[in-house]
């Protein structure tokens, strides 16, 4: 097998669910989901470097044992020859933010290792094979493999590219100094559904991916702002006052709509341009442990 000696770099883009509808628990123990998602310009930097020794993952900016890092687990799950490879991750996406920080690093790891395998002469790893491995790592990882706009179904393992041109709209992100695990977010959602006696509902009636996609395609920003939604929003904002306040803070600096990011505690505010989003974030007074950033939509790469 040919040696691999040339380092390279990938961007691990943050993901944002523009529409997220949740259904009942499936046979695999995960919830049915319907989502219309996108990649953001905000990204972690993932470096693939030759080194003498066994497979390593070094993650700067996060306190996590190497073997618990989802990127390391991705390398183990993919298999093949990973000796002589060191992955170095520079974090920009905060943890438990709902932006897929760990999942997108894992996806970038799979893509990078597939490239190295090809350069070593081990042959091409098909995208379908990468998606199958990604689905075993976590429900967000398959979507992070696919750049740009995408539709997500099943329990996260069914991902389909959506050919929609990237808009120039901006996104301001605000994460208060509170965190929430995905498991707790789902527990809160399930408790509310039981209280409302909606244990086995279908998500189909609330899946408005077609409308969101059409509003982006047609450049109808006002319509888009009225369509974005997240089924986690009510329970997370209701349980964490700082998250509810983040919605208010973003609107106070001019956001035309706000949206909880995934199952995390970050709130996204939408603006007509990235410049407007940058100006808005500069007006947000951050407290201890809070984080904010301005970004835009991305086609990937």
Foldseek 3Di string as FASTA:
>chain_A
DADDADKDKFWLFWKFFQAWFWFAQDPVRFIWIKTKMATWPDTKMKMKHFDAFAEWEAEPPDPDPGCPQLLNVLDVLVDDGRGRIYIYIYDDDDPLQLRCHSLSSNLVSLVVVQVVCVVRVVDHDDLLNSLVSSVVSDLCNNVSNAHGIWIATDRNSDIDDDPADFAQKKKKKKFAQDKDDLVVLVVLLCVVCVVVVNNGDDRVVLNPNVQLRVCRRVVVVLSSQVNGAHSSVVRVCVVDVVLVVQQVLLVVLPFPHKYRRHSISMIMGIGNHLVSSVVSVVPDDGDPNMDMDMIGTDRGD
